[in-house]
Amino acid sequence: MLLRGNCAHCVIDIAPVCLAAVLDYLVAELLGVASGVA
């Protein structure tokens, strides 16, 4: 995804937006793993 690639340098510019994108991605990953395991 484009957001993940940009997060490396966007932390300084727009940290809140970047963190929100990272958190959203992590939640989706966790849900995907949980549903895959369950």
N, C-alpha and C. Protein backbone atom coordinates (compact mmCIF):
# COMPACT_ATOMS: atom_id res chain seq x y z
N MET A 1 0.84 -1.21 0.00
CA MET A 1 0.00 0.00 0.00
C MET A 1 0.86 1.25 0.00
N LEU A 2 0.33 2.30 -0.55
CA LEU A 2 1.08 3.54 -0.64
C LEU A 2 1.32 4.13 0.74
N LEU A 3 0.31 4.05 1.61
CA LEU A 3 0.44 4.63 2.95
C LEU A 3 1.60 4.02 3.72
N ARG A 4 1.72 2.70 3.66
CA ARG A 4 2.79 2.04 4.40
C ARG A 4 4.16 2.50 3.90
N GLY A 5 4.29 2.69 2.59
CA GLY A 5 5.56 3.14 2.05
C GLY A 5 5.88 4.57 2.47
N ASN A 6 4.85 5.40 2.59
CA ASN A 6 5.05 6.80 2.95
C ASN A 6 5.28 7.00 4.43
N CYS A 7 4.87 6.05 5.25
CA CYS A 7 4.94 6.23 6.70
C CYS A 7 6.37 6.38 7.20
N ALA A 8 7.35 5.95 6.43
CA ALA A 8 8.73 6.05 6.86
C ALA A 8 9.13 7.51 7.05
N HIS A 9 8.67 8.40 6.18
CA HIS A 9 9.07 9.80 6.29
C HIS A 9 7.91 10.73 6.62
N CYS A 10 6.68 10.20 6.71
CA CYS A 10 5.55 11.08 7.00
C CYS A 10 5.39 11.30 8.49
N VAL A 11 6.13 10.54 9.31
CA VAL A 11 6.00 10.66 10.76
C VAL A 11 6.28 12.09 11.20
N ILE A 12 7.27 12.72 10.56
CA ILE A 12 7.63 14.09 10.94
C ILE A 12 6.57 15.08 10.45
N ASP A 13 6.02 14.83 9.26
CA ASP A 13 5.09 15.77 8.64
C ASP A 13 3.68 15.67 9.22
N ILE A 14 3.12 14.47 9.18
CA ILE A 14 1.73 14.31 9.63
C ILE A 14 1.61 13.06 10.48
N ALA A 15 2.27 13.09 11.64
CA ALA A 15 2.31 11.92 12.53
C ALA A 15 0.92 11.37 12.86
N PRO A 16 -0.06 12.20 13.25
CA PRO A 16 -1.38 11.66 13.61
C PRO A 16 -2.02 10.86 12.48
N VAL A 17 -1.93 11.36 11.27
CA VAL A 17 -2.53 10.67 10.13
C VAL A 17 -1.79 9.37 9.87
N CYS A 18 -0.47 9.42 9.96
CA CYS A 18 0.33 8.23 9.71
C CYS A 18 0.07 7.18 10.78
N LEU A 19 0.01 7.60 12.03
CA LEU A 19 -0.23 6.66 13.12
C LEU A 19 -1.60 6.02 12.97
N ALA A 20 -2.57 6.80 12.55
CA ALA A 20 -3.92 6.26 12.36
C ALA A 20 -3.89 5.20 11.25
N ALA A 21 -3.15 5.46 10.20
CA ALA A 21 -3.06 4.50 9.10
C ALA A 21 -2.36 3.22 9.56
N VAL A 22 -1.30 3.37 10.34
CA VAL A 22 -0.57 2.21 10.84
C VAL A 22 -1.44 1.40 11.78
N LEU A 23 -2.15 2.07 12.68
CA LEU A 23 -3.02 1.37 13.62
C LEU A 23 -4.12 0.63 12.87
N ASP A 24 -4.69 1.29 11.87
CA ASP A 24 -5.75 0.65 11.09
C ASP A 24 -5.21 -0.60 10.39
N TYR A 25 -4.00 -0.50 9.87
CA TYR A 25 -3.38 -1.64 9.20
C TYR A 25 -3.12 -2.78 10.18
N LEU A 26 -2.59 -2.43 11.36
CA LEU A 26 -2.30 -3.45 12.37
C LEU A 26 -3.56 -4.15 12.84
N VAL A 27 -4.62 -3.38 13.04
CA VAL A 27 -5.89 -3.97 13.48
C VAL A 27 -6.40 -4.94 12.42
N ALA A 28 -6.31 -4.54 11.15
CA ALA A 28 -6.76 -5.41 10.07
C ALA A 28 -5.92 -6.68 10.03
N GLU A 29 -4.61 -6.56 10.25
CA GLU A 29 -3.73 -7.72 10.26
C GLU A 29 -4.09 -8.65 11.41
N LEU A 30 -4.30 -8.08 12.59
CA LEU A 30 -4.65 -8.89 13.77
C LEU A 30 -5.97 -9.61 13.55
N LEU A 31 -6.95 -8.91 13.01
CA LEU A 31 -8.25 -9.53 12.76
C LEU A 31 -8.11 -10.64 11.72
N GLY A 32 -7.28 -10.41 10.72
CA GLY A 32 -7.07 -11.41 9.69
C GLY A 32 -6.42 -12.66 10.27
N VAL A 33 -5.42 -12.47 11.11
CA VAL A 33 -4.73 -13.60 11.74
C VAL A 33 -5.68 -14.32 12.69
N ALA A 34 -6.43 -13.56 13.48
CA ALA A 34 -7.36 -14.15 14.44
C ALA A 34 -8.42 -14.98 13.72
N SER A 35 -8.97 -14.44 12.65
CA SER A 35 -10.02 -15.17 11.92
C SER A 35 -9.41 -16.38 11.20
N GLY A 36 -8.15 -16.26 10.80
CA GLY A 36 -7.50 -17.39 10.14
C GLY A 36 -7.21 -18.51 11.12
N VAL A 37 -6.85 -18.15 12.35
CA VAL A 37 -6.54 -19.16 13.37
C VAL A 37 -7.81 -19.78 13.92
N ALA A 38 -8.85 -18.95 14.11
CA ALA A 38 -10.08 -19.43 14.75
C ALA A 38 -10.90 -20.33 13.85
